[in-house]
Amino acid sequence: MAKRKPITKSIKASEARQQFSQVINQVFRGETRVIIEKSGIPVAAIISAEDLERLAEMEAKREKDFAILDEIGAAFKDIPDEELEQEVARAVNAAREELRKERQAQQSA
């Protein structure tokens, strides 16, 4: 059976203090993710260790992806933006033309 997605609920900080044990148990069982509010402003969250691990993995992947983009950007740092935009437009147009030709070949076959 598929695991149910936890609901996210917001509670006041004072309520979280009073019901801390219950809140922790609900989070542990995967029933709830809790947003703690002070004066109606979200200031913290209580999530399961599993959610925290998943968040850390996503952050690591994001950092890796952006590092790749930074490397690509560094390779073109000395090329003016206008020239890059023209080259990108040419490459996109060439790829579109190639796709059109492939589709036409498939339709005529």
C-alpha atoms as a PDB file:
ATOM      1  CA  MET A   1       0.000   0.000   0.000  1.00  0.00           C
ATOM      2  CA  ALA A   2       1.299   3.480  -0.877  1.00  0.00           C
ATOM      3  CA  LYS A   3       2.443   5.704   1.930  1.00  0.00           C
ATOM      4  CA  ARG A   4       0.092   8.634   2.559  1.00  0.00           C
ATOM      5  CA  LYS A   5       1.478  12.090   2.022  1.00  0.00           C
ATOM      6  CA  PRO A   6       1.643  14.053   5.280  1.00  0.00           C
ATOM      7  CA  ILE A   7      -0.580  17.083   5.636  1.00  0.00           C
ATOM      8  CA  THR A   8       0.988  20.441   6.388  1.00  0.00           C
ATOM      9  CA  LYS A   9      -0.530  22.450   9.179  1.00  0.00           C
ATOM     10  CA  SER A  10       0.358  25.765  10.759  1.00  0.00           C
ATOM     11  CA  ILE A  11       0.266  26.328  14.504  1.00  0.00           C
ATOM     12  CA  LYS A  12       1.223  29.132  16.853  1.00  0.00           C
ATOM     13  CA  ALA A  13       4.537  28.820  18.681  1.00  0.00           C
ATOM     14  CA  SER A  14       2.720  28.785  22.034  1.00  0.00           C
ATOM     15  CA  GLU A  15       0.517  25.917  20.848  1.00  0.00           C
ATOM     16  CA  ALA A  16       3.586  24.034  19.598  1.00  0.00           C
ATOM     17  CA  ARG A  17       5.186  24.355  23.034  1.00  0.00           C
ATOM     18  CA  GLN A  18       2.059  23.093  24.788  1.00  0.00           C
ATOM     19  CA  GLN A  19       1.553  20.166  22.396  1.00  0.00           C
ATOM     20  CA  PHE A  20       5.200  19.432  21.599  1.00  0.00           C
ATOM     21  CA  SER A  21       5.026  15.702  22.344  1.00  0.00           C
ATOM     22  CA  GLN A  22       1.901  15.249  20.219  1.00  0.00           C
ATOM     23  CA  VAL A  23       3.342  17.304  17.362  1.00  0.00           C
ATOM     24  CA  ILE A  24       6.573  15.295  17.373  1.00  0.00           C
ATOM     25  CA  ASN A  25       4.646  12.004  17.342  1.00  0.00           C
ATOM     26  CA  GLN A  26       2.472  13.122  14.408  1.00  0.00           C
ATOM     27  CA  VAL A  27       5.560  14.190  12.463  1.00  0.00           C
ATOM     28  CA  PHE A  28       7.383  10.954  13.322  1.00  0.00           C
ATOM     29  CA  ARG A  29       4.441   8.854  12.105  1.00  0.00           C
ATOM     30  CA  GLY A  30       4.486  10.763   8.807  1.00  0.00           C
ATOM     31  CA  GLU A  31       1.034  12.220   9.371  1.00  0.00           C
ATOM     32  CA  THR A  32       1.996  15.873   9.523  1.00  0.00           C
ATOM     33  CA  ARG A  33       4.500  18.561   8.646  1.00  0.00           C
ATOM     34  CA  VAL A  34       4.175  21.525  10.974  1.00  0.00           C
ATOM     35  CA  ILE A  35       4.817  25.186  10.292  1.00  0.00           C
ATOM     36  CA  ILE A  36       5.390  27.195  13.467  1.00  0.00           C
ATOM     37  CA  GLU A  37       4.101  30.766  13.411  1.00  0.00           C
ATOM     38  CA  LYS A  38       4.865  33.765  15.605  1.00  0.00           C
ATOM     39  CA  SER A  39       2.408  36.623  15.280  1.00  0.00           C
ATOM     40  CA  GLY A  40       1.032  34.944  12.155  1.00  0.00           C
ATOM     41  CA  ILE A  41       4.451  34.798  10.462  1.00  0.00           C
ATOM     42  CA  PRO A  42       5.980  31.395   9.582  1.00  0.00           C
ATOM     43  CA  VAL A  43       9.301  31.157  11.456  1.00  0.00           C
ATOM     44  CA  ALA A  44      10.166  27.449  11.590  1.00  0.00           C
ATOM     45  CA  ALA A  45       9.008  24.008  10.568  1.00  0.00           C
ATOM     46  CA  ILE A  46       9.016  20.573  12.112  1.00  0.00           C
ATOM     47  CA  ILE A  47       9.474  17.837   9.531  1.00  0.00           C
ATOM     48  CA  SER A  48      10.419  14.188   9.679  1.00  0.00           C
ATOM     49  CA  ALA A  49      14.042  13.094   9.492  1.00  0.00           C
ATOM     50  CA  GLU A  50      13.112  11.424   6.186  1.00  0.00           C
ATOM     51  CA  ASP A  51      11.870  14.757   4.796  1.00  0.00           C
ATOM     52  CA  LEU A  52      15.034  16.481   5.994  1.00  0.00           C
ATOM     53  CA  GLU A  53      17.198  13.870   4.275  1.00  0.00           C
ATOM     54  CA  ARG A  54      15.218  14.284   1.038  1.00  0.00           C
ATOM     55  CA  LEU A  55      15.629  18.070   1.291  1.00  0.00           C
ATOM     56  CA  ALA A  56      19.399  17.720   1.770  1.00  0.00           C
ATOM     57  CA  GLU A  57      19.595  15.445  -1.300  1.00  0.00           C
ATOM     58  CA  MET A  58      17.619  17.939  -3.390  1.00  0.00           C
ATOM     59  CA  GLU A  59      19.848  20.811  -2.246  1.00  0.00           C
ATOM     60  CA  ALA A  60      22.982  18.827  -3.136  1.00  0.00           C
ATOM     61  CA  LYS A  61      21.572  18.044  -6.588  1.00  0.00           C
ATOM     62  CA  ARG A  62      20.648  21.691  -7.098  1.00  0.00           C
ATOM     63  CA  GLU A  63      24.165  22.807  -6.141  1.00  0.00           C
ATOM     64  CA  LYS A  64      25.656  20.286  -8.563  1.00  0.00           C
ATOM     65  CA  ASP A  65      23.327  21.442 -11.366  1.00  0.00           C
ATOM     66  CA  PHE A  66      24.178  25.100 -10.778  1.00  0.00           C
ATOM     67  CA  ALA A  67      27.905  24.295 -10.666  1.00  0.00           C
ATOM     68  CA  ILE A  68      27.538  22.872 -14.171  1.00  0.00           C
ATOM     69  CA  LEU A  69      25.784  26.056 -15.306  1.00  0.00           C
ATOM     70  CA  ASP A  70      28.579  28.138 -13.752  1.00  0.00           C
ATOM     71  CA  GLU A  71      31.165  26.096 -15.686  1.00  0.00           C
ATOM     72  CA  ILE A  72      29.277  26.639 -18.928  1.00  0.00           C
ATOM     73  CA  GLY A  73      28.985  30.353 -18.190  1.00  0.00           C
ATOM     74  CA  ALA A  74      32.701  30.595 -17.455  1.00  0.00           C
ATOM     75  CA  ALA A  75      33.494  29.076 -20.843  1.00  0.00           C
ATOM     76  CA  PHE A  76      31.656  31.957 -22.549  1.00  0.00           C
ATOM     77  CA  LYS A  77      32.584  34.805 -20.188  1.00  0.00           C
ATOM     78  CA  ASP A  78      34.613  36.692 -22.791  1.00  0.00           C
ATOM     79  CA  ILE A  79      31.899  36.604 -25.459  1.00  0.00           C
ATOM     80  CA  PRO A  80      29.521  39.596 -25.575  1.00  0.00           C
ATOM     81  CA  ASP A  81      25.898  38.864 -24.649  1.00  0.00           C
ATOM     82  CA  GLU A  82      24.603  39.981 -28.057  1.00  0.00           C
ATOM     83  CA  GLU A  83      26.894  37.531 -29.833  1.00  0.00           C
ATOM     84  CA  LEU A  84      25.829  34.698 -27.524  1.00  0.00           C
ATOM     85  CA  GLU A  85      22.158  35.481 -28.126  1.00  0.00           C
ATOM     86  CA  GLN A  86      22.704  35.379 -31.892  1.00  0.00           C
ATOM     87  CA  GLU A  87      24.533  32.042 -31.678  1.00  0.00           C
ATOM     88  CA  VAL A  88      21.789  30.561 -29.495  1.00  0.00           C
ATOM     89  CA  ALA A  89      19.119  31.774 -31.923  1.00  0.00           C
ATOM     90  CA  ARG A  90      21.030  30.196 -34.834  1.00  0.00           C
ATOM     91  CA  ALA A  91      21.396  26.901 -32.972  1.00  0.00           C
ATOM     92  CA  VAL A  92      17.691  26.843 -32.066  1.00  0.00           C
ATOM     93  CA  ASN A  93      16.681  27.593 -35.644  1.00  0.00           C
ATOM     94  CA  ALA A  94      19.000  24.871 -36.960  1.00  0.00           C
ATOM     95  CA  ALA A  95      17.573  22.334 -34.510  1.00  0.00           C
ATOM     96  CA  ARG A  96      14.007  23.286 -35.460  1.00  0.00           C
ATOM     97  CA  GLU A  97      14.816  22.941 -39.162  1.00  0.00           C
ATOM     98  CA  GLU A  98      16.332  19.517 -38.559  1.00  0.00           C
ATOM     99  CA  LEU A  99      13.205  18.419 -36.677  1.00  0.00           C
ATOM    100  CA  ARG A 100      10.992  19.687 -39.506  1.00  0.00           C
ATOM    101  CA  LYS A 101      13.006  17.688 -42.036  1.00  0.00           C
ATOM    102  CA  GLU A 102      12.809  14.551 -39.878  1.00  0.00           C
ATOM    103  CA  ARG A 103       9.029  14.929 -39.536  1.00  0.00           C
ATOM    104  CA  GLN A 104       8.597  15.468 -43.254  1.00  0.00           C
ATOM    105  CA  ALA A 105      10.720  12.381 -43.983  1.00  0.00           C
ATOM    106  CA  GLN A 106       8.588  10.329 -41.585  1.00  0.00           C
ATOM    107  CA  GLN A 107       5.356  11.583 -43.138  1.00  0.00           C
ATOM    108  CA  SER A 108       6.452  10.818 -46.674  1.00  0.00           C
ATOM    109  CA  ALA A 109       7.694   7.340 -45.738  1.00  0.00           C
END
